[in-house]
Amino acid sequence: VFLSRGLQIEKTSKVTNIQYIQVILCSLKRLTLTLEKYARVSVVKNYC
């Protein structure tokens, strides 16, 4: 709720930059989790 209010008060250019950064960070998080998942699967397959 506070983040939404803060984004309403800020200038549009600043909010846009924050939203772009948020998208990039979410993408990196998903990529990291996906790579971690595949790394675990390959380790399990190598031991079996």
Protein backbone atom coordinates (compact mmCIF):
# COMPACT_ATOMS: atom_id res chain seq x y z
CA VAL A 1 0.00 0.00 0.00
CA PHE A 2 2.80 2.43 0.87
CA LEU A 3 4.73 1.61 -2.31
CA SER A 4 1.65 2.32 -4.42
CA ARG A 5 1.12 5.66 -2.70
CA GLY A 6 4.78 6.53 -3.09
CA LEU A 7 4.65 5.75 -6.80
CA GLN A 8 1.58 7.97 -7.19
CA ILE A 9 3.41 10.91 -5.63
CA GLU A 10 6.68 10.51 -7.59
CA LYS A 11 7.35 11.96 -11.02
CA THR A 12 6.41 9.75 -13.96
CA SER A 13 9.97 9.33 -15.26
CA LYS A 14 11.21 8.09 -11.90
CA VAL A 15 8.32 5.64 -11.53
CA THR A 16 8.96 4.27 -15.03
CA ASN A 17 12.60 3.60 -14.16
CA ILE A 18 11.56 1.82 -10.97
CA GLN A 19 9.13 -0.36 -12.90
CA TYR A 20 11.80 -1.28 -15.49
CA ILE A 21 14.19 -2.25 -12.71
CA GLN A 22 11.45 -4.31 -11.09
CA VAL A 23 10.87 -6.24 -14.33
CA ILE A 24 14.60 -6.90 -14.74
CA LEU A 25 14.97 -8.13 -11.16
CA CYS A 26 11.95 -10.43 -11.47
CA SER A 27 13.35 -11.87 -14.70
CA LEU A 28 16.72 -12.51 -13.08
CA LYS A 29 15.04 -14.18 -10.12
CA ARG A 30 13.04 -16.49 -12.39
CA LEU A 31 16.14 -17.32 -14.43
CA THR A 32 18.10 -18.11 -11.28
CA LEU A 33 15.36 -20.35 -9.92
CA THR A 34 15.01 -22.12 -13.28
CA LEU A 35 18.75 -22.75 -13.58
CA GLU A 36 18.86 -23.95 -9.98
CA LYS A 37 16.01 -26.37 -10.67
CA TYR A 38 17.79 -27.83 -13.72
CA ALA A 39 21.07 -28.08 -11.81
CA ARG A 40 19.37 -30.16 -9.12
CA VAL A 41 17.77 -32.44 -11.72
CA SER A 42 21.09 -33.05 -13.49
CA VAL A 43 22.84 -33.85 -10.20
CA VAL A 44 20.12 -36.36 -9.32
CA LYS A 45 20.34 -37.96 -12.77
CA ASN A 46 24.13 -38.29 -12.49
CA TYR A 47 23.86 -40.17 -9.21
CA CYS A 48 21.14 -42.55 -10.39
